[in-house]
């Protein structure tokens, strides 16, 4: 580099012109000025705050919409007994509600849900037969 300053304006190369030193300009490396950076940060902060506020306000409504569609599609459970153990619903506390393939099924306890998941077709057939008997009576 022959002792030349690589950051000086081309043509000046750190040499003296007459009795005055030449003006040396350091590169900015493409970075914005502090004022530009400050304005960008303010803008970024405002946009971020707006997005967070919007998502916070909308989130509960999307959850409610999902709950309503799930409730509308589920076929109600007509029996008064557990689908697995035939125990009266409510005899062991609040019944456990489970939705299987668009059909609501109620159980006396969580253990019965586990048993149902092992062989759901067996219990769905049992529920359909019992519901058929109920409908014939009505």
N, C-alpha and C. Protein backbone atom coordinates (compact mmCIF):
# COMPACT_ATOMS: atom_id res chain seq x y z
N UNK A 1 0.82 -1.18 0.00
CA UNK A 1 0.00 0.00 0.00
C UNK A 1 0.87 1.26 0.00
N UNK A 2 2.13 1.11 0.14
CA UNK A 2 3.09 2.20 0.02
C UNK A 2 2.84 3.32 1.02
N UNK A 3 2.33 3.00 2.19
CA UNK A 3 2.12 4.02 3.21
C UNK A 3 0.94 4.93 2.94
N UNK A 4 0.11 4.59 1.96
CA UNK A 4 -1.04 5.43 1.65
C UNK A 4 -2.21 5.04 2.55
N UNK A 5 -3.05 6.00 2.83
CA UNK A 5 -4.23 5.78 3.65
C UNK A 5 -5.35 5.26 2.75
N UNK A 6 -5.82 4.02 2.96
CA UNK A 6 -6.85 3.47 2.08
C UNK A 6 -8.21 4.14 2.25
N UNK A 7 -8.39 4.92 3.31
CA UNK A 7 -9.69 5.54 3.57
C UNK A 7 -9.77 6.99 3.08
N UNK A 8 -8.76 7.48 2.48
CA UNK A 8 -8.79 8.87 2.03
C UNK A 8 -9.50 8.98 0.69
N UNK A 9 -9.93 10.17 0.36
CA UNK A 9 -10.59 10.41 -0.91
C UNK A 9 -9.57 10.16 -2.00
N UNK A 10 -10.03 9.50 -3.06
CA UNK A 10 -9.09 9.20 -4.12
C UNK A 10 -8.56 10.50 -4.72
N UNK A 11 -7.35 10.51 -5.00
CA UNK A 11 -6.70 11.71 -5.52
C UNK A 11 -5.95 12.42 -4.41
N UNK A 12 -6.46 12.39 -3.18
CA UNK A 12 -5.79 13.08 -2.09
C UNK A 12 -4.71 12.18 -1.52
N UNK A 13 -5.03 10.92 -1.23
CA UNK A 13 -4.08 9.93 -0.73
C UNK A 13 -3.23 10.44 0.42
N UNK A 14 -3.77 11.27 1.23
CA UNK A 14 -3.06 11.72 2.41
C UNK A 14 -1.93 12.67 2.12
N UNK A 15 -1.79 13.06 0.89
CA UNK A 15 -0.68 13.96 0.55
C UNK A 15 -1.09 15.40 0.82
N UNK A 16 -0.09 16.23 1.02
CA UNK A 16 -0.38 17.64 1.24
C UNK A 16 -0.53 18.34 -0.10
N UNK A 17 -1.51 19.20 -0.19
CA UNK A 17 -1.65 20.01 -1.39
C UNK A 17 -1.32 21.43 -0.99
N UNK A 18 -0.26 21.88 -1.40
CA UNK A 18 0.19 23.21 -1.00
C UNK A 18 0.61 23.15 0.45
N UNK A 19 0.16 24.08 1.24
CA UNK A 19 0.52 24.11 2.65
C UNK A 19 -0.59 23.54 3.53
N UNK A 20 -1.76 23.17 2.95
CA UNK A 20 -2.88 22.63 3.73
C UNK A 20 -2.95 21.12 3.57
N UNK A 21 -3.43 20.45 4.64
CA UNK A 21 -3.65 19.01 4.56
C UNK A 21 -4.91 18.75 3.75
N UNK A 22 -4.90 17.70 3.00
CA UNK A 22 -6.10 17.38 2.23
C UNK A 22 -7.18 16.82 3.17
N UNK A 23 -8.40 17.01 2.76
CA UNK A 23 -9.53 16.53 3.55
C UNK A 23 -9.64 15.02 3.38
N UNK A 24 -9.70 14.30 4.51
CA UNK A 24 -9.83 12.86 4.44
C UNK A 24 -11.23 12.47 4.85
N UNK A 25 -11.87 11.67 4.05
CA UNK A 25 -13.23 11.21 4.36
C UNK A 25 -13.17 9.72 4.68
N UNK A 26 -13.66 9.38 5.84
CA UNK A 26 -13.70 7.98 6.25
C UNK A 26 -14.97 7.35 5.69
N UNK A 27 -14.93 6.09 5.31
CA UNK A 27 -16.13 5.45 4.74
C UNK A 27 -17.18 5.21 5.82
N UNK A 28 -18.46 5.22 5.42
CA UNK A 28 -19.56 4.97 6.36
C UNK A 28 -19.96 3.51 6.38
N UNK A 29 -19.39 2.73 5.49
CA UNK A 29 -19.67 1.30 5.40
C UNK A 29 -21.15 1.03 5.16
N UNK A 30 -21.87 1.96 4.60
CA UNK A 30 -23.27 1.78 4.28
C UNK A 30 -24.20 1.86 5.47
N UNK A 31 -23.74 2.26 6.62
CA UNK A 31 -24.58 2.35 7.80
C UNK A 31 -25.33 3.68 7.80
N UNK A 32 -26.59 3.68 8.30
CA UNK A 32 -27.35 4.92 8.34
C UNK A 32 -26.82 5.86 9.41
N UNK A 33 -27.15 7.11 9.27
CA UNK A 33 -26.74 8.08 10.28
C UNK A 33 -27.52 7.83 11.56
N UNK A 34 -27.11 8.43 12.64
CA UNK A 34 -27.79 8.22 13.92
C UNK A 34 -29.22 8.75 13.87
N UNK A 35 -29.47 9.81 13.11
CA UNK A 35 -30.83 10.34 12.99
C UNK A 35 -31.72 9.36 12.24
N UNK A 36 -31.19 8.79 11.15
CA UNK A 36 -31.96 7.81 10.40
C UNK A 36 -32.25 6.58 11.25
N UNK A 37 -31.27 6.17 11.99
CA UNK A 37 -31.44 5.01 12.86
C UNK A 37 -32.48 5.29 13.94
N UNK A 38 -32.46 6.47 14.50
CA UNK A 38 -33.42 6.85 15.53
C UNK A 38 -34.85 6.85 14.96
N UNK A 39 -35.02 7.41 13.77
CA UNK A 39 -36.35 7.42 13.15
C UNK A 39 -36.82 6.01 12.83
N UNK A 40 -35.92 5.18 12.34
CA UNK A 40 -36.27 3.80 12.05
C UNK A 40 -36.71 3.07 13.31
N UNK A 41 -36.00 3.23 14.39
CA UNK A 41 -36.34 2.55 15.65
C UNK A 41 -37.70 3.00 16.17
N UNK A 42 -38.01 4.31 16.05
CA UNK A 42 -39.33 4.80 16.47
C UNK A 42 -40.42 4.16 15.62
N UNK A 43 -40.20 4.12 14.32
CA UNK A 43 -41.17 3.52 13.41
C UNK A 43 -41.34 2.04 13.72
N UNK A 44 -40.24 1.34 13.89
CA UNK A 44 -40.27 -0.09 14.19
C UNK A 44 -41.01 -0.36 15.50
N UNK A 45 -40.77 0.46 16.51
CA UNK A 45 -41.43 0.30 17.80
C UNK A 45 -42.94 0.49 17.66
N UNK A 46 -43.36 1.50 16.90
CA UNK A 46 -44.78 1.75 16.71
C UNK A 46 -45.46 0.63 15.93
N UNK A 47 -44.81 0.13 14.90
CA UNK A 47 -45.38 -0.96 14.12
C UNK A 47 -45.49 -2.22 14.97
N UNK A 48 -44.47 -2.52 15.74
CA UNK A 48 -44.49 -3.69 16.62
C UNK A 48 -45.61 -3.58 17.65
N UNK A 49 -45.76 -2.42 18.24
CA UNK A 49 -46.83 -2.21 19.23
C UNK A 49 -48.19 -2.38 18.59
N UNK A 50 -48.37 -1.89 17.38
CA UNK A 50 -49.66 -2.03 16.69
C UNK A 50 -49.97 -3.49 16.38
N UNK A 51 -48.98 -4.24 15.95
CA UNK A 51 -49.19 -5.66 15.64
C UNK A 51 -49.54 -6.43 16.91
N UNK A 52 -48.84 -6.17 17.98
CA UNK A 52 -49.14 -6.86 19.25
C UNK A 52 -50.53 -6.51 19.75
N UNK A 53 -50.91 -5.25 19.68
CA UNK A 53 -52.25 -4.84 20.13
C UNK A 53 -53.32 -5.52 19.29
N UNK A 54 -53.13 -5.54 17.99
CA UNK A 54 -54.10 -6.16 17.09
C UNK A 54 -54.25 -7.65 17.39
N UNK A 55 -53.13 -8.35 17.52
CA UNK A 55 -53.20 -9.79 17.77
C UNK A 55 -53.79 -10.11 19.14
N UNK A 56 -53.53 -9.25 20.11
CA UNK A 56 -54.09 -9.46 21.45
C UNK A 56 -55.60 -9.28 21.44
N UNK A 57 -56.08 -8.33 20.67
CA UNK A 57 -57.51 -8.08 20.61
C UNK A 57 -58.24 -9.13 19.78
N UNK A 58 -57.62 -9.69 18.76
CA UNK A 58 -58.26 -10.63 17.86
C UNK A 58 -58.21 -12.07 18.37
N UNK A 59 -57.19 -12.42 19.12
CA UNK A 59 -56.99 -13.81 19.56
C UNK A 59 -58.21 -14.42 20.25
N UNK A 60 -58.87 -13.74 21.20
CA UNK A 60 -60.03 -14.37 21.84
C UNK A 60 -61.16 -14.68 20.87
N UNK A 61 -61.35 -13.84 19.87
CA UNK A 61 -62.43 -14.06 18.92
C UNK A 61 -62.16 -15.26 18.03
N UNK A 62 -60.93 -15.49 17.67
CA UNK A 62 -60.63 -16.66 16.85
C UNK A 62 -60.82 -17.94 17.66
N UNK A 63 -60.51 -17.90 18.93
CA UNK A 63 -60.73 -19.06 19.79
C UNK A 63 -62.21 -19.36 19.96
N UNK A 64 -63.00 -18.32 20.12
CA UNK A 64 -64.45 -18.52 20.28
C UNK A 64 -65.05 -19.09 19.00
N UNK A 65 -64.60 -18.63 17.86
CA UNK A 65 -65.12 -19.13 16.59
C UNK A 65 -64.80 -20.62 16.43
N UNK A 66 -63.62 -21.02 16.82
CA UNK A 66 -63.24 -22.43 16.73
C UNK A 66 -64.08 -23.28 17.67
N UNK A 67 -64.37 -22.77 18.87
CA UNK A 67 -65.20 -23.51 19.82
C UNK A 67 -66.62 -23.68 19.29
N UNK A 68 -67.16 -22.65 18.68
CA UNK A 68 -68.53 -22.71 18.18
C UNK A 68 -68.66 -23.71 17.04
N UNK A 69 -67.69 -23.75 16.15
CA UNK A 69 -67.79 -24.71 15.05
C UNK A 69 -67.64 -26.14 15.55
N UNK A 70 -66.80 -26.36 16.55
CA UNK A 70 -66.62 -27.70 17.10
C UNK A 70 -67.90 -28.16 17.80
N UNK A 71 -68.56 -27.24 18.51
CA UNK A 71 -69.78 -27.61 19.23
C UNK A 71 -70.92 -27.89 18.26
N UNK A 72 -71.01 -27.17 17.16
CA UNK A 72 -72.09 -27.36 16.20
C UNK A 72 -71.96 -28.70 15.49
N UNK A 73 -70.74 -29.11 15.22
CA UNK A 73 -70.53 -30.33 14.45
C UNK A 73 -70.66 -31.60 15.28
N UNK A 74 -70.42 -31.54 16.57
CA UNK A 74 -70.42 -32.74 17.40
C UNK A 74 -71.85 -33.23 17.63
N UNK A 75 -72.05 -34.50 17.34
CA UNK A 75 -73.34 -35.14 17.58
C UNK A 75 -73.47 -35.35 19.10
N UNK A 76 -74.60 -34.96 19.70
CA UNK A 76 -74.72 -35.05 21.16
C UNK A 76 -74.80 -36.49 21.66
N UNK A 77 -74.39 -36.65 22.90
CA UNK A 77 -74.40 -37.96 23.56
C UNK A 77 -75.75 -38.11 24.25
N UNK A 78 -76.52 -39.14 23.89
CA UNK A 78 -77.88 -39.30 24.40
C UNK A 78 -77.98 -40.21 25.62
N UNK A 79 -76.97 -41.00 25.89
CA UNK A 79 -77.05 -41.97 26.98
C UNK A 79 -76.80 -41.32 28.34
N UNK A 80 -77.29 -41.97 29.39
CA UNK A 80 -77.09 -41.47 30.75
C UNK A 80 -76.06 -42.29 31.51
N UNK A 81 -75.38 -43.16 30.76
CA UNK A 81 -74.36 -44.02 31.37
C UNK A 81 -73.04 -43.86 30.62
N UNK A 82 -71.97 -44.28 31.25
CA UNK A 82 -70.63 -44.23 30.66
C UNK A 82 -70.57 -45.17 29.45
N UNK A 83 -69.90 -44.75 28.41
CA UNK A 83 -69.80 -45.55 27.20
C UNK A 83 -68.98 -46.82 27.40
N UNK A 84 -68.10 -46.84 28.38
CA UNK A 84 -67.22 -47.99 28.59
C UNK A 84 -67.70 -48.86 29.74
N UNK A 85 -67.90 -48.27 30.91
CA UNK A 85 -68.19 -49.06 32.12
C UNK A 85 -69.68 -49.19 32.43
N UNK A 86 -70.53 -48.49 31.74
CA UNK A 86 -71.99 -48.46 31.98
C UNK A 86 -72.35 -47.90 33.35
N UNK A 87 -71.42 -47.20 33.99
CA UNK A 87 -71.71 -46.52 35.25
C UNK A 87 -72.58 -45.30 34.95
N UNK A 88 -73.41 -44.93 35.90
CA UNK A 88 -74.25 -43.75 35.73
C UNK A 88 -73.35 -42.51 35.67
N UNK A 89 -73.58 -41.64 34.68
CA UNK A 89 -72.78 -40.43 34.54
C UNK A 89 -73.00 -39.52 35.75
N UNK A 90 -71.95 -39.02 36.32
CA UNK A 90 -72.02 -38.17 37.49
C UNK A 90 -71.81 -38.94 38.78
N UNK A 91 -71.75 -40.25 38.72
CA UNK A 91 -71.55 -41.05 39.93
C UNK A 91 -70.13 -40.93 40.46
N UNK A 92 -69.20 -40.56 39.61
CA UNK A 92 -67.80 -40.44 40.03
C UNK A 92 -67.31 -39.00 39.83
N UNK A 93 -68.21 -38.05 39.91
CA UNK A 93 -67.86 -36.65 39.67
C UNK A 93 -68.39 -36.21 38.32
N UNK A 94 -67.92 -35.08 37.90
CA UNK A 94 -68.37 -34.53 36.63
C UNK A 94 -67.94 -35.44 35.48
N UNK A 95 -68.85 -35.76 34.54
CA UNK A 95 -68.50 -36.64 33.42
C UNK A 95 -67.41 -36.02 32.54
N UNK A 96 -66.58 -36.89 31.96
CA UNK A 96 -65.53 -36.47 31.05
C UNK A 96 -66.10 -36.52 29.64
N UNK A 97 -66.04 -35.39 28.93
CA UNK A 97 -66.58 -35.30 27.58
C UNK A 97 -65.43 -35.41 26.58
N UNK A 98 -65.59 -36.27 25.59
CA UNK A 98 -64.58 -36.49 24.56
C UNK A 98 -65.29 -36.50 23.21
N UNK A 99 -64.71 -35.85 22.22
CA UNK A 99 -65.28 -35.83 20.88
C UNK A 99 -64.47 -36.76 19.99
N UNK A 100 -65.15 -37.75 19.42
CA UNK A 100 -64.51 -38.74 18.55
C UNK A 100 -65.21 -38.72 17.20
N UNK A 101 -64.48 -38.32 16.15
CA UNK A 101 -64.99 -38.29 14.78
C UNK A 101 -66.33 -37.56 14.69
N UNK A 102 -66.40 -36.38 15.31
CA UNK A 102 -67.61 -35.56 15.22
C UNK A 102 -68.74 -36.02 16.12
N UNK A 103 -68.45 -36.88 17.04
CA UNK A 103 -69.47 -37.41 17.94
C UNK A 103 -69.02 -37.20 19.38
N UNK A 104 -69.91 -36.61 20.18
CA UNK A 104 -69.61 -36.39 21.60
C UNK A 104 -69.85 -37.69 22.36
N UNK A 105 -68.88 -38.05 23.18
CA UNK A 105 -69.01 -39.25 24.01
C UNK A 105 -68.66 -38.87 25.43
N UNK A 106 -69.46 -39.35 26.39
CA UNK A 106 -69.22 -39.01 27.79
C UNK A 106 -68.83 -40.25 28.57
N UNK A 107 -67.90 -40.02 29.51
CA UNK A 107 -67.37 -41.10 30.32
C UNK A 107 -67.48 -40.73 31.79
N UNK A 108 -67.47 -41.75 32.65
CA UNK A 108 -67.56 -41.50 34.09
C UNK A 108 -66.23 -41.02 34.66
N UNK A 109 -65.10 -41.39 34.00
CA UNK A 109 -63.77 -41.01 34.50
C UNK A 109 -62.75 -41.00 33.36
N UNK A 110 -61.57 -40.51 33.66
CA UNK A 110 -60.51 -40.43 32.64
C UNK A 110 -59.98 -41.81 32.25
N UNK A 111 -60.04 -42.76 33.15
CA UNK A 111 -59.56 -44.11 32.85
C UNK A 111 -60.40 -44.75 31.74
N UNK A 112 -61.69 -44.44 31.72
CA UNK A 112 -62.56 -44.98 30.68
C UNK A 112 -62.23 -44.38 29.30
N UNK A 113 -61.77 -43.14 29.29
CA UNK A 113 -61.36 -42.51 28.02
C UNK A 113 -60.17 -43.28 27.45
N UNK A 114 -59.23 -43.65 28.31
CA UNK A 114 -58.06 -44.42 27.86
C UNK A 114 -58.49 -45.77 27.28
N UNK A 115 -59.44 -46.42 27.95
CA UNK A 115 -59.93 -47.71 27.46
C UNK A 115 -60.65 -47.53 26.12
N UNK A 116 -61.41 -46.46 25.98
CA UNK A 116 -62.12 -46.18 24.74
C UNK A 116 -61.14 -45.99 23.59
N UNK A 117 -60.05 -45.27 23.83
CA UNK A 117 -59.07 -44.98 22.78
C UNK A 117 -58.36 -46.24 22.30
N UNK A 118 -58.33 -47.29 23.10
CA UNK A 118 -57.69 -48.53 22.70
C UNK A 118 -58.49 -49.25 21.61
N UNK A 119 -59.84 -49.17 21.70
CA UNK A 119 -60.71 -49.84 20.72
C UNK A 119 -61.98 -49.02 20.53
N UNK A 120 -61.89 -47.87 19.86
CA UNK A 120 -63.05 -46.99 19.74
C UNK A 120 -64.20 -47.59 18.94
N UNK A 121 -63.92 -48.38 17.92
CA UNK A 121 -65.01 -48.93 17.10
C UNK A 121 -65.94 -49.82 17.91
N UNK A 122 -65.39 -50.56 18.84
CA UNK A 122 -66.19 -51.44 19.72
C UNK A 122 -67.19 -50.61 20.52
N UNK A 123 -66.73 -49.51 21.09
CA UNK A 123 -67.60 -48.70 21.95
C UNK A 123 -68.56 -47.83 21.14
N UNK A 124 -68.14 -47.37 19.97
CA UNK A 124 -69.05 -46.59 19.11
C UNK A 124 -70.22 -47.47 18.69
N UNK A 125 -69.94 -48.71 18.34
CA UNK A 125 -71.01 -49.66 17.97
C UNK A 125 -71.96 -49.87 19.15
N UNK A 126 -71.40 -50.01 20.33
CA UNK A 126 -72.20 -50.18 21.55
C UNK A 126 -73.09 -48.95 21.79
N UNK A 127 -72.54 -47.75 21.59
CA UNK A 127 -73.30 -46.50 21.78
C UNK A 127 -74.42 -46.41 20.75
N UNK A 128 -74.13 -46.73 19.50
CA UNK A 128 -75.14 -46.65 18.45
C UNK A 128 -76.29 -47.61 18.70
N UNK A 129 -76.00 -48.80 19.19
CA UNK A 129 -77.05 -49.76 19.52
C UNK A 129 -77.92 -49.24 20.65
N UNK A 130 -77.29 -48.67 21.68
CA UNK A 130 -78.05 -48.14 22.82
C UNK A 130 -78.88 -46.93 22.40
N UNK A 131 -78.34 -46.09 21.54
CA UNK A 131 -79.09 -44.91 21.06
C UNK A 131 -80.27 -45.36 20.18
N UNK A 132 -80.09 -46.42 19.43
CA UNK A 132 -81.17 -46.96 18.61
C UNK A 132 -82.33 -47.43 19.46
N UNK A 133 -82.03 -48.04 20.60
CA UNK A 133 -83.09 -48.49 21.53
C UNK A 133 -83.82 -47.29 22.12
N UNK A 134 -83.09 -46.23 22.45
CA UNK A 134 -83.69 -45.01 23.02
C UNK A 134 -84.64 -44.38 22.00
N UNK A 135 -84.21 -44.29 20.76
CA UNK A 135 -85.03 -43.66 19.71
C UNK A 135 -86.29 -44.46 19.43
N UNK A 136 -86.23 -45.81 19.54
CA UNK A 136 -87.41 -46.65 19.32
C UNK A 136 -88.45 -46.43 20.40
N UNK A 137 -88.00 -46.15 21.63
CA UNK A 137 -88.91 -45.91 22.75
C UNK A 137 -89.64 -44.59 22.59
N UNK A 138 -88.99 -43.62 21.99
CA UNK A 138 -89.58 -42.28 21.86
C UNK A 138 -90.45 -42.23 20.67
